[in-house]
Amino acid sequence: IKNDVETQGDFIRYLIKEVEGAAFTDIEDVVPFVKWLDDELSYLVDERAVLKHFDWPEQKADAMREAAFGYCDLKKLESEASSFRDDPRQLCGPALKKMQTLFE
C-alpha cells in the first residue's frame, strides 16, 4: 500500500481530476466511465487503503458506481420483461409467479 501511495500519486491525482470533472447528461455515459475508472483502480494493491491517503472524491465516485449499476440492473430487467412471452401451454400458477417476479 505504501509503495502504491508513493509511486502512483500522479496517476491517482489524475483520476481525482477526472472524477471531479465528470458531468453527464445521459446515464448511458456514466456506465463506460465507471468501467474505465474501476479498470484503472484495479491496478492498485488495495484501492480503498491507497485512496484514503489522497483527497479522493469518494462520495461522487460511489454515487456514479451506484447509478451505473442501478441503470444496468434496470436495463437487464427491461430486457427480461420485454422478452416475456405468455405460453398458453404453461400452467397459470407458474406463469403468474414469473410475472409477479418481473413486476416486483
PDB file of N, CA and C in Angstrom:
ATOM      1  N   ILE A   1       0.849  -1.191   0.000  1.00  0.00           N
ATOM      2  CA  ILE A   1       0.000   0.000   0.000  1.00  0.00           C
ATOM      3  C   ILE A   1       0.889   1.247   0.000  1.00  0.00           C
ATOM      4  N   LYS A   2       1.892   1.231   0.863  1.00  0.00           N
ATOM      5  CA  LYS A   2       2.803   2.372   0.957  1.00  0.00           C
ATOM      6  C   LYS A   2       3.493   2.623  -0.379  1.00  0.00           C
ATOM      7  N   ASN A   3       3.879   1.540  -1.043  1.00  0.00           N
ATOM      8  CA  ASN A   3       4.533   1.661  -2.345  1.00  0.00           C
ATOM      9  C   ASN A   3       3.594   2.297  -3.369  1.00  0.00           C
ATOM     10  N   ASP A   4       2.343   1.867  -3.392  1.00  0.00           N
ATOM     11  CA  ASP A   4       1.368   2.457  -4.318  1.00  0.00           C
ATOM     12  C   ASP A   4       1.142   3.929  -4.011  1.00  0.00           C
ATOM     13  N   VAL A   5       1.065   4.277  -2.732  1.00  0.00           N
ATOM     14  CA  VAL A   5       0.864   5.679  -2.345  1.00  0.00           C
ATOM     15  C   VAL A   5       2.024   6.527  -2.865  1.00  0.00           C
ATOM     16  N   GLU A   6       3.230   5.994  -2.744  1.00  0.00           N
ATOM     17  CA  GLU A   6       4.417   6.747  -3.164  1.00  0.00           C
ATOM     18  C   GLU A   6       4.602   6.778  -4.678  1.00  0.00           C
ATOM     19  N   THR A   7       4.339   5.679  -5.349  1.00  0.00           N
ATOM     20  CA  THR A   7       4.643   5.602  -6.785  1.00  0.00           C
ATOM     21  C   THR A   7       3.470   5.963  -7.692  1.00  0.00           C
ATOM     22  N   GLN A   8       2.250   5.871  -7.207  1.00  0.00           N
ATOM     23  CA  GLN A   8       1.080   6.109  -8.047  1.00  0.00           C
ATOM     24  C   GLN A   8       0.394   7.449  -7.773  1.00  0.00           C
ATOM     25  N   GLY A   9       1.067   8.341  -7.048  1.00  0.00           N
ATOM     26  CA  GLY A   9       0.470   9.624  -6.675  1.00  0.00           C
ATOM     27  C   GLY A   9      -0.007  10.445  -7.856  1.00  0.00           C
ATOM     28  N   ASP A  10       0.830  10.598  -8.874  1.00  0.00           N
ATOM     29  CA  ASP A  10       0.437  11.392 -10.046  1.00  0.00           C
ATOM     30  C   ASP A  10      -0.755  10.757 -10.756  1.00  0.00           C
ATOM     31  N   PHE A  11      -0.726   9.451 -10.869  1.00  0.00           N
ATOM     32  CA  PHE A  11      -1.817   8.714 -11.505  1.00  0.00           C
ATOM     33  C   PHE A  11      -3.122   8.916 -10.738  1.00  0.00           C
ATOM     34  N   ILE A  12      -3.058   8.825  -9.424  1.00  0.00           N
ATOM     35  CA  ILE A  12      -4.270   8.983  -8.601  1.00  0.00           C
ATOM     36  C   ILE A  12      -4.769  10.417  -8.661  1.00  0.00           C
ATOM     37  N   ARG A  13      -3.862  11.391  -8.654  1.00  0.00           N
ATOM     38  CA  ARG A  13      -4.290  12.786  -8.774  1.00  0.00           C
ATOM     39  C   ARG A  13      -4.973  13.029 -10.133  1.00  0.00           C
ATOM     40  N   TYR A  14      -4.492  12.362 -11.174  1.00  0.00           N
ATOM     41  CA  TYR A  14      -5.141  12.438 -12.489  1.00  0.00           C
ATOM     42  C   TYR A  14      -6.564  11.866 -12.400  1.00  0.00           C
ATOM     43  N   LEU A  15      -6.711  10.713 -11.750  1.00  0.00           N
ATOM     44  CA  LEU A  15      -8.037  10.109 -11.603  1.00  0.00           C
ATOM     45  C   LEU A  15      -8.963  11.003 -10.781  1.00  0.00           C
ATOM     46  N   ILE A  16      -8.421  11.639  -9.758  1.00  0.00           N
ATOM     47  CA  ILE A  16      -9.222  12.554  -8.929  1.00  0.00           C
ATOM     48  C   ILE A  16      -9.791  13.668  -9.800  1.00  0.00           C
ATOM     49  N   LYS A  17      -8.945  14.257 -10.658  1.00  0.00           N
ATOM     50  CA  LYS A  17      -9.422  15.329 -11.544  1.00  0.00           C
ATOM     51  C   LYS A  17     -10.489  14.818 -12.505  1.00  0.00           C
ATOM     52  N   GLU A  18     -10.320  13.600 -12.998  1.00  0.00           N
ATOM     53  CA  GLU A  18     -11.305  13.024 -13.911  1.00  0.00           C
ATOM     54  C   GLU A  18     -12.652  12.830 -13.213  1.00  0.00           C
ATOM     55  N   VAL A  19     -12.624  12.320 -11.992  1.00  0.00           N
ATOM     56  CA  VAL A  19     -13.870  12.096 -11.245  1.00  0.00           C
ATOM     57  C   VAL A  19     -14.511  13.427 -10.894  1.00  0.00           C
ATOM     58  N   GLU A  20     -13.713  14.374 -10.388  1.00  0.00           N
ATOM     59  CA  GLU A  20     -14.272  15.670 -10.012  1.00  0.00           C
ATOM     60  C   GLU A  20     -14.851  16.411 -11.208  1.00  0.00           C
ATOM     61  N   GLY A  21     -14.241  16.242 -12.377  1.00  0.00           N
ATOM     62  CA  GLY A  21     -14.712  16.933 -13.564  1.00  0.00           C
ATOM     63  C   GLY A  21     -15.801  16.202 -14.325  1.00  0.00           C
ATOM     64  N   ALA A  22     -16.103  15.001 -13.901  1.00  0.00           N
ATOM     65  CA  ALA A  22     -17.102  14.207 -14.614  1.00  0.00           C
ATOM     66  C   ALA A  22     -18.491  14.803 -14.430  1.00  0.00           C
ATOM     67  N   ALA A  23     -19.141  15.054 -15.555  1.00  0.00           N
ATOM     68  CA  ALA A  23     -20.521  15.557 -15.547  1.00  0.00           C
ATOM     69  C   ALA A  23     -21.215  14.940 -16.754  1.00  0.00           C
ATOM     70  N   PHE A  24     -22.313  14.291 -16.508  1.00  0.00           N
ATOM     71  CA  PHE A  24     -23.004  13.569 -17.573  1.00  0.00           C
ATOM     72  C   PHE A  24     -24.439  14.041 -17.679  1.00  0.00           C
ATOM     73  N   THR A  25     -24.924  14.105 -18.908  1.00  0.00           N
ATOM     74  CA  THR A  25     -26.329  14.436 -19.128  1.00  0.00           C
ATOM     75  C   THR A  25     -27.127  13.182 -19.441  1.00  0.00           C
ATOM     76  N   ASP A  26     -26.427  12.096 -19.738  1.00  0.00           N
ATOM     77  CA  ASP A  26     -27.091  10.839 -20.091  1.00  0.00           C
ATOM     78  C   ASP A  26     -26.499   9.722 -19.233  1.00  0.00           C
ATOM     79  N   ILE A  27     -27.349   8.986 -18.551  1.00  0.00           N
ATOM     80  CA  ILE A  27     -26.900   7.907 -17.670  1.00  0.00           C
ATOM     81  C   ILE A  27     -26.103   6.858 -18.436  1.00  0.00           C
ATOM     82  N   GLU A  28     -26.382   6.691 -19.718  1.00  0.00           N
ATOM     83  CA  GLU A  28     -25.645   5.710 -20.506  1.00  0.00           C
ATOM     84  C   GLU A  28     -24.164   6.058 -20.612  1.00  0.00           C
ATOM     85  N   ASP A  29     -23.821   7.324 -20.448  1.00  0.00           N
ATOM     86  CA  ASP A  29     -22.414   7.743 -20.487  1.00  0.00           C
ATOM     87  C   ASP A  29     -21.695   7.445 -19.175  1.00  0.00           C
ATOM     88  N   VAL A  30     -22.439   7.292 -18.112  1.00  0.00           N
ATOM     89  CA  VAL A  30     -21.836   7.007 -16.799  1.00  0.00           C
ATOM     90  C   VAL A  30     -21.278   5.583 -16.772  1.00  0.00           C
ATOM     91  N   VAL A  31     -21.968   4.651 -17.412  1.00  0.00           N
ATOM     92  CA  VAL A  31     -21.575   3.241 -17.374  1.00  0.00           C
ATOM     93  C   VAL A  31     -20.153   3.023 -17.885  1.00  0.00           C
ATOM     94  N   PRO A  32     -19.775   3.497 -19.086  1.00  0.00           N
ATOM     95  CA  PRO A  32     -18.401   3.275 -19.529  1.00  0.00           C
ATOM     96  C   PRO A  32     -17.373   4.038 -18.702  1.00  0.00           C
ATOM     97  N   PHE A  33     -17.758   5.208 -18.175  1.00  0.00           N
ATOM     98  CA  PHE A  33     -16.829   5.953 -17.326  1.00  0.00           C
ATOM     99  C   PHE A  33     -16.515   5.163 -16.066  1.00  0.00           C
ATOM    100  N   VAL A  34     -17.536   4.614 -15.428  1.00  0.00           N
ATOM    101  CA  VAL A  34     -17.346   3.822 -14.207  1.00  0.00           C
ATOM    102  C   VAL A  34     -16.517   2.579 -14.504  1.00  0.00           C
ATOM    103  N   LYS A  35     -16.777   1.943 -15.634  1.00  0.00           N
ATOM    104  CA  LYS A  35     -15.988   0.769 -16.010  1.00  0.00           C
ATOM    105  C   LYS A  35     -14.524   1.155 -16.196  1.00  0.00           C
ATOM    106  N   TRP A  36     -14.278   2.250 -16.888  1.00  0.00           N
ATOM    107  CA  TRP A  36     -12.913   2.734 -17.099  1.00  0.00           C
ATOM    108  C   TRP A  36     -12.250   3.028 -15.753  1.00  0.00           C
ATOM    109  N   LEU A  37     -12.958   3.742 -14.878  1.00  0.00           N
ATOM    110  CA  LEU A  37     -12.413   4.096 -13.575  1.00  0.00           C
ATOM    111  C   LEU A  37     -12.081   2.851 -12.757  1.00  0.00           C
ATOM    112  N   ASP A  38     -12.990   1.899 -12.720  1.00  0.00           N
ATOM    113  CA  ASP A  38     -12.748   0.668 -11.976  1.00  0.00           C
ATOM    114  C   ASP A  38     -11.576  -0.120 -12.557  1.00  0.00           C
ATOM    115  N   ASP A  39     -11.459  -0.128 -13.886  1.00  0.00           N
ATOM    116  CA  ASP A  39     -10.319  -0.801 -14.516  1.00  0.00           C
ATOM    117  C   ASP A  39      -9.004  -0.130 -14.109  1.00  0.00           C
ATOM    118  N   GLU A  40      -8.983   1.185 -14.094  1.00  0.00           N
ATOM    119  CA  GLU A  40      -7.773   1.919 -13.711  1.00  0.00           C
ATOM    120  C   GLU A  40      -7.426   1.671 -12.241  1.00  0.00           C
ATOM    121  N   LEU A  41      -8.427   1.682 -11.389  1.00  0.00           N
ATOM    122  CA  LEU A  41      -8.183   1.488  -9.955  1.00  0.00           C
ATOM    123  C   LEU A  41      -7.797   0.050  -9.625  1.00  0.00           C
ATOM    124  N   SER A  42      -8.115  -0.868 -10.505  1.00  0.00           N
ATOM    125  CA  SER A  42      -7.799  -2.274 -10.239  1.00  0.00           C
ATOM    126  C   SER A  42      -6.296  -2.535 -10.219  1.00  0.00           C
ATOM    127  N   TYR A  43      -5.509  -1.607 -10.734  1.00  0.00           N
ATOM    128  CA  TYR A  43      -4.052  -1.769 -10.712  1.00  0.00           C
ATOM    129  C   TYR A  43      -3.464  -1.520  -9.325  1.00  0.00           C
ATOM    130  N   LEU A  44      -4.239  -0.901  -8.452  1.00  0.00           N
ATOM    131  CA  LEU A  44      -3.756  -0.631  -7.092  1.00  0.00           C
ATOM    132  C   LEU A  44      -3.840  -1.901  -6.256  1.00  0.00           C
ATOM    133  N   VAL A  45      -2.921  -2.033  -5.326  1.00  0.00           N
ATOM    134  CA  VAL A  45      -2.886  -3.211  -4.455  1.00  0.00           C
ATOM    135  C   VAL A  45      -4.184  -3.325  -3.652  1.00  0.00           C
ATOM    136  N   ASP A  46      -4.592  -2.227  -3.027  1.00  0.00           N
ATOM    137  CA  ASP A  46      -5.817  -2.181  -2.221  1.00  0.00           C
ATOM    138  C   ASP A  46      -6.425  -0.800  -2.431  1.00  0.00           C
ATOM    139  N   GLU A  47      -7.417  -0.738  -3.298  1.00  0.00           N
ATOM    140  CA  GLU A  47      -7.993   0.534  -3.716  1.00  0.00           C
ATOM    141  C   GLU A  47      -8.352   1.440  -2.540  1.00  0.00           C
ATOM    142  N   ARG A  48      -9.160   0.967  -1.631  1.00  0.00           N
ATOM    143  CA  ARG A  48      -9.620   1.802  -0.513  1.00  0.00           C
ATOM    144  C   ARG A  48      -8.461   2.265   0.379  1.00  0.00           C
ATOM    145  N   ALA A  49      -7.550   1.351   0.669  1.00  0.00           N
ATOM    146  CA  ALA A  49      -6.429   1.684   1.552  1.00  0.00           C
ATOM    147  C   ALA A  49      -5.513   2.727   0.922  1.00  0.00           C
ATOM    148  N   VAL A  50      -5.302   2.638  -0.380  1.00  0.00           N
ATOM    149  CA  VAL A  50      -4.432   3.599  -1.063  1.00  0.00           C
ATOM    150  C   VAL A  50      -5.133   4.950  -1.198  1.00  0.00           C
ATOM    151  N   LEU A  51      -6.394   4.930  -1.611  1.00  0.00           N
ATOM    152  CA  LEU A  51      -7.103   6.180  -1.871  1.00  0.00           C
ATOM    153  C   LEU A  51      -7.340   7.014  -0.620  1.00  0.00           C
ATOM    154  N   LYS A  52      -7.357   6.384   0.549  1.00  0.00           N
ATOM    155  CA  LYS A  52      -7.591   7.167   1.770  1.00  0.00           C
ATOM    156  C   LYS A  52      -6.421   8.106   2.072  1.00  0.00           C
ATOM    157  N   HIS A  53      -5.297   7.909   1.401  1.00  0.00           N
ATOM    158  CA  HIS A  53      -4.138   8.787   1.575  1.00  0.00           C
ATOM    159  C   HIS A  53      -4.216  10.023   0.674  1.00  0.00           C
ATOM    160  N   PHE A  54      -5.264  10.109  -0.120  1.00  0.00           N
ATOM    161  CA  PHE A  54      -5.448  11.219  -1.051  1.00  0.00           C
ATOM    162  C   PHE A  54      -6.803  11.857  -0.800  1.00  0.00           C
ATOM    163  N   ASP A  55      -7.016  12.997  -1.414  1.00  0.00           N
ATOM    164  CA  ASP A  55      -8.304  13.687  -1.288  1.00  0.00           C
ATOM    165  C   ASP A  55      -9.261  13.120  -2.339  1.00  0.00           C
ATOM    166  N   TRP A  56      -9.539  11.816  -2.208  1.00  0.00           N
ATOM    167  CA  TRP A  56     -10.355  11.091  -3.174  1.00  0.00           C
ATOM    168  C   TRP A  56     -11.821  11.484  -3.044  1.00  0.00           C
ATOM    169  N   PRO A  57     -12.479  11.846  -4.142  1.00  0.00           N
ATOM    170  CA  PRO A  57     -13.908  12.211  -4.095  1.00  0.00           C
ATOM    171  C   PRO A  57     -14.785  10.956  -3.972  1.00  0.00           C
ATOM    172  N   GLU A  58     -14.718  10.337  -2.818  1.00  0.00           N
ATOM    173  CA  GLU A  58     -15.364   9.048  -2.588  1.00  0.00           C
ATOM    174  C   GLU A  58     -16.864   9.086  -2.816  1.00  0.00           C
ATOM    175  N   GLN A  59     -17.525  10.112  -2.301  1.00  0.00           N
ATOM    176  CA  GLN A  59     -18.984  10.168  -2.438  1.00  0.00           C
ATOM    177  C   GLN A  59     -19.408  10.251  -3.897  1.00  0.00           C
ATOM    178  N   LYS A  60     -18.706  11.065  -4.681  1.00  0.00           N
ATOM    179  CA  LYS A  60     -19.070  11.201  -6.092  1.00  0.00           C
ATOM    180  C   LYS A  60     -18.778   9.912  -6.847  1.00  0.00           C
ATOM    181  N   ALA A  61     -17.615   9.318  -6.597  1.00  0.00           N
ATOM    182  CA  ALA A  61     -17.255   8.069  -7.285  1.00  0.00           C
ATOM    183  C   ALA A  61     -18.247   6.962  -6.923  1.00  0.00           C
ATOM    184  N   ASP A  62     -18.586   6.862  -5.644  1.00  0.00           N
ATOM    185  CA  ASP A  62     -19.548   5.838  -5.217  1.00  0.00           C
ATOM    186  C   ASP A  62     -20.937   6.089  -5.793  1.00  0.00           C
ATOM    187  N   ALA A  63     -21.344   7.356  -5.878  1.00  0.00           N
ATOM    188  CA  ALA A  63     -22.654   7.692  -6.442  1.00  0.00           C
ATOM    189  C   ALA A  63     -22.707   7.319  -7.926  1.00  0.00           C
ATOM    190  N   MET A  64     -21.612   7.564  -8.640  1.00  0.00           N
ATOM    191  CA  MET A  64     -21.583   7.195 -10.057  1.00  0.00           C
ATOM    192  C   MET A  64     -21.608   5.677 -10.225  1.00  0.00           C
ATOM    193  N   ARG A  65     -20.878   4.970  -9.363  1.00  0.00           N
ATOM    194  CA  ARG A  65     -20.904   3.499  -9.423  1.00  0.00           C
ATOM    195  C   ARG A  65     -22.314   2.977  -9.179  1.00  0.00           C
ATOM    196  N   GLU A  66     -22.939   3.504  -8.144  1.00  0.00           N
ATOM    197  CA  GLU A  66     -24.288   3.054  -7.801  1.00  0.00           C
ATOM    198  C   GLU A  66     -25.269   3.355  -8.930  1.00  0.00           C
ATOM    199  N   ALA A  67     -25.147   4.537  -9.521  1.00  0.00           N
ATOM    200  CA  ALA A  67     -26.025   4.901 -10.633  1.00  0.00           C
ATOM    201  C   ALA A  67     -25.802   3.978 -11.828  1.00  0.00           C
ATOM    202  N   ALA A  68     -24.550   3.693 -12.133  1.00  0.00           N
ATOM    203  CA  ALA A  68     -24.234   2.824 -13.275  1.00  0.00           C
ATOM    204  C   ALA A  68     -24.758   1.410 -13.050  1.00  0.00           C
ATOM    205  N   PHE A  69     -24.537   0.872 -11.849  1.00  0.00           N
ATOM    206  CA  PHE A  69     -25.005  -0.484 -11.563  1.00  0.00           C
ATOM    207  C   PHE A  69     -26.534  -0.544 -11.541  1.00  0.00           C
ATOM    208  N   GLY A  70     -27.160   0.469 -10.969  1.00  0.00           N
ATOM    209  CA  GLY A  70     -28.618   0.519 -10.953  1.00  0.00           C
ATOM    210  C   GLY A  70     -29.187   0.591 -12.359  1.00  0.00           C
ATOM    211  N   TYR A  71     -28.564   1.404 -13.206  1.00  0.00           N
ATOM    212  CA  TYR A  71     -29.010   1.521 -14.590  1.00  0.00           C
ATOM    213  C   TYR A  71     -28.867   0.190 -15.325  1.00  0.00           C
ATOM    214  N   CYS A  72     -27.731  -0.472 -15.135  1.00  0.00           N
ATOM    215  CA  CYS A  72     -27.520  -1.782 -15.784  1.00  0.00           C
ATOM    216  C   CYS A  72     -28.545  -2.808 -15.301  1.00  0.00           C
ATOM    217  N   ASP A  73     -28.852  -2.774 -14.011  1.00  0.00           N
ATOM    218  CA  ASP A  73     -29.879  -3.677 -13.479  1.00  0.00           C
ATOM    219  C   ASP A  73     -31.240  -3.396 -14.108  1.00  0.00           C
ATOM    220  N   LEU A  74     -31.572  -2.123 -14.258  1.00  0.00           N
ATOM    221  CA  LEU A  74     -32.848  -1.766 -14.879  1.00  0.00           C
ATOM    222  C   LEU A  74     -32.897  -2.185 -16.347  1.00  0.00           C
ATOM    223  N   LYS A  75     -31.775  -2.022 -17.059  1.00  0.00           N
ATOM    224  CA  LYS A  75     -31.739  -2.441 -18.466  1.00  0.00           C
ATOM    225  C   LYS A  75     -31.909  -3.957 -18.583  1.00  0.00           C
ATOM    226  N   LYS A  76     -31.302  -4.696 -17.650  1.00  0.00           N
ATOM    227  CA  LYS A  76     -31.447  -6.148 -17.650  1.00  0.00           C
ATOM    228  C   LYS A  76     -32.906  -6.529 -17.386  1.00  0.00           C
ATOM    229  N   LEU A  77     -33.513  -5.868 -16.411  1.00  0.00           N
ATOM    230  CA  LEU A  77     -34.915  -6.130 -16.090  1.00  0.00           C
ATOM    231  C   LEU A  77     -35.818  -5.775 -17.270  1.00  0.00           C
ATOM    232  N   GLU A  78     -35.527  -4.666 -17.921  1.00  0.00           N
ATOM    233  CA  GLU A  78     -36.303  -4.270 -19.089  1.00  0.00           C
ATOM    234  C   GLU A  78     -36.224  -5.350 -20.172  1.00  0.00           C
ATOM    235  N   SER A  79     -35.029  -5.871 -20.363  1.00  0.00           N
ATOM    236  CA  SER A  79     -34.840  -6.921 -21.362  1.00  0.00           C
ATOM    237  C   SER A  79     -35.628  -8.177 -20.994  1.00  0.00           C
ATOM    238  N   GLU A  80     -35.562  -8.566 -19.729  1.00  0.00           N
ATOM    239  CA  GLU A  80     -36.301  -9.752 -19.271  1.00  0.00           C
ATOM    240  C   GLU A  80     -37.803  -9.557 -19.426  1.00  0.00           C
ATOM    241  N   ALA A  81     -38.283  -8.375 -19.019  1.00  0.00           N
ATOM    242  CA  ALA A  81     -39.726  -8.118 -19.078  1.00  0.00           C
ATOM    243  C   ALA A  81     -40.214  -8.036 -20.523  1.00  0.00           C
ATOM    244  N   SER A  82     -39.425  -7.408 -21.385  1.00  0.00           N
ATOM    245  CA  SER A  82     -39.877  -7.262 -22.764  1.00  0.00           C
ATOM    246  C   SER A  82     -39.784  -8.568 -23.546  1.00  0.00           C
ATOM    247  N   SER A  83     -38.951  -9.484 -23.061  1.00  0.00           N
ATOM    248  CA  SER A  83     -38.846 -10.758 -23.767  1.00  0.00           C
ATOM    249  C   SER A  83     -39.804 -11.811 -23.199  1.00  0.00           C
ATOM    250  N   PHE A  84     -40.578 -11.442 -22.180  1.00  0.00           N
ATOM    251  CA  PHE A  84     -41.528 -12.384 -21.599  1.00  0.00           C
ATOM    252  C   PHE A  84     -42.631 -12.687 -22.607  1.00  0.00           C
ATOM    253  N   ARG A  85     -42.875 -13.945 -22.803  1.00  0.00           N
ATOM    254  CA  ARG A  85     -43.950 -14.384 -23.687  1.00  0.00           C
ATOM    255  C   ARG A  85     -44.852 -15.334 -22.912  1.00  0.00           C
ATOM    256  N   ASP A  86     -46.119 -15.059 -23.000  1.00  0.00           N
ATOM    257  CA  ASP A  86     -47.088 -15.923 -22.336  1.00  0.00           C
ATOM    258  C   ASP A  86     -47.229 -17.209 -23.148  1.00  0.00           C
ATOM    259  N   ASP A  87     -47.056 -18.312 -22.480  1.00  0.00           N
ATOM    260  CA  ASP A  87     -47.183 -19.619 -23.122  1.00  0.00           C
ATOM    261  C   ASP A  87     -48.491 -20.242 -22.657  1.00  0.00           C
ATOM    262  N   PRO A  88     -49.463 -20.338 -23.542  1.00  0.00           N
ATOM    263  CA  PRO A  88     -50.766 -20.884 -23.146  1.00  0.00           C
ATOM    264  C   PRO A  88     -50.686 -22.325 -22.645  1.00  0.00           C
ATOM    265  N   ARG A  89     -49.611 -23.025 -22.977  1.00  0.00           N
ATOM    266  CA  ARG A  89     -49.460 -24.410 -22.519  1.00  0.00           C
ATOM    267  C   ARG A  89     -48.960 -24.483 -21.080  1.00  0.00           C
ATOM    268  N   GLN A  90     -48.419 -23.363 -20.590  1.00  0.00           N
ATOM    269  CA  GLN A  90     -47.894 -23.336 -19.226  1.00  0.00           C
ATOM    270  C   GLN A  90     -49.039 -23.151 -18.231  1.00  0.00           C
ATOM    271  N   LEU A  91     -48.906 -23.795 -17.083  1.00  0.00           N
ATOM    272  CA  LEU A  91     -49.931 -23.645 -16.046  1.00  0.00           C
ATOM    273  C   LEU A  91     -50.004 -22.189 -15.593  1.00  0.00           C
ATOM    274  N   CYS A  92     -51.177 -21.793 -15.178  1.00  0.00           N
ATOM    275  CA  CYS A  92     -51.420 -20.409 -14.781  1.00  0.00           C
ATOM    276  C   CYS A  92     -50.563 -19.985 -13.579  1.00  0.00           C
ATOM    277  N   GLY A  93     -50.449 -20.853 -12.583  1.00  0.00           N
ATOM    278  CA  GLY A  93     -49.698 -20.518 -11.365  1.00  0.00           C
ATOM    279  C   GLY A  93     -48.254 -20.128 -11.635  1.00  0.00           C
ATOM    280  N   PRO A  94     -47.472 -20.978 -12.304  1.00  0.00           N
ATOM    281  CA  PRO A  94     -46.078 -20.614 -12.600  1.00  0.00           C
ATOM    282  C   PRO A  94     -45.953 -19.372 -13.481  1.00  0.00           C
ATOM    283  N   ALA A  95     -46.871 -19.198 -14.426  1.00  0.00           N
ATOM    284  CA  ALA A  95     -46.827 -18.019 -15.291  1.00  0.00           C
ATOM    285  C   ALA A  95     -47.064 -16.749 -14.472  1.00  0.00           C
ATOM    286  N   LEU A  96     -48.061 -16.783 -13.580  1.00  0.00           N
ATOM    287  CA  LEU A  96     -48.331 -15.626 -12.728  1.00  0.00           C
ATOM    288  C   LEU A  96     -47.165 -15.336 -11.794  1.00  0.00           C
ATOM    289  N   LYS A  97     -46.531 -16.395 -11.289  1.00  0.00           N
ATOM    290  CA  LYS A  97     -45.390 -16.205 -10.398  1.00  0.00           C
ATOM    291  C   LYS A  97     -44.243 -15.507 -11.140  1.00  0.00           C
ATOM    292  N   LYS A  98     -43.997 -15.921 -12.384  1.00  0.00           N
ATOM    293  CA  LYS A  98     -42.944 -15.288 -13.169  1.00  0.00           C
ATOM    294  C   LYS A  98     -43.288 -13.826 -13.436  1.00  0.00           C
ATOM    295  N   MET A  99     -44.554 -13.554 -13.767  1.00  0.00           N
ATOM    296  CA  MET A  99     -44.996 -12.172 -13.996  1.00  0.00           C
ATOM    297  C   MET A  99     -44.830 -11.339 -12.734  1.00  0.00           C
ATOM    298  N   GLN A 100     -45.195 -11.921 -11.598  1.00  0.00           N
ATOM    299  CA  GLN A 100     -45.074 -11.191 -10.345  1.00  0.00           C
ATOM    300  C   GLN A 100     -43.616 -10.893 -10.016  1.00  0.00           C
ATOM    301  N   THR A 101     -42.729 -11.859 -10.251  1.00  0.00           N
ATOM    302  CA  THR A 101     -41.303 -11.656 -10.006  1.00  0.00           C
ATOM    303  C   THR A 101     -40.772 -10.520 -10.866  1.00  0.00           C
ATOM    304  N   LEU A 102     -41.142 -10.488 -12.123  1.00  0.00           N
ATOM    305  CA  LEU A 102     -40.709  -9.409 -13.009  1.00  0.00           C
ATOM    306  C   LEU A 102     -41.295  -8.076 -12.556  1.00  0.00           C
ATOM    307  N   PHE A 103     -42.556  -8.097 -12.113  1.00  0.00           N
ATOM    308  CA  PHE A 103     -43.191  -6.867 -11.648  1.00  0.00           C
ATOM    309  C   PHE A 103     -42.499  -6.306 -10.419  1.00  0.00           C
ATOM    310  N   GLU A 104     -42.155  -7.187  -9.489  1.00  0.00           N
ATOM    311  CA  GLU A 104     -41.516  -6.729  -8.240  1.00  0.00           C
ATOM    312  C   GLU A 104     -40.122  -6.223  -8.530  1.00  0.00           C
TER     313      GLU A 104
END
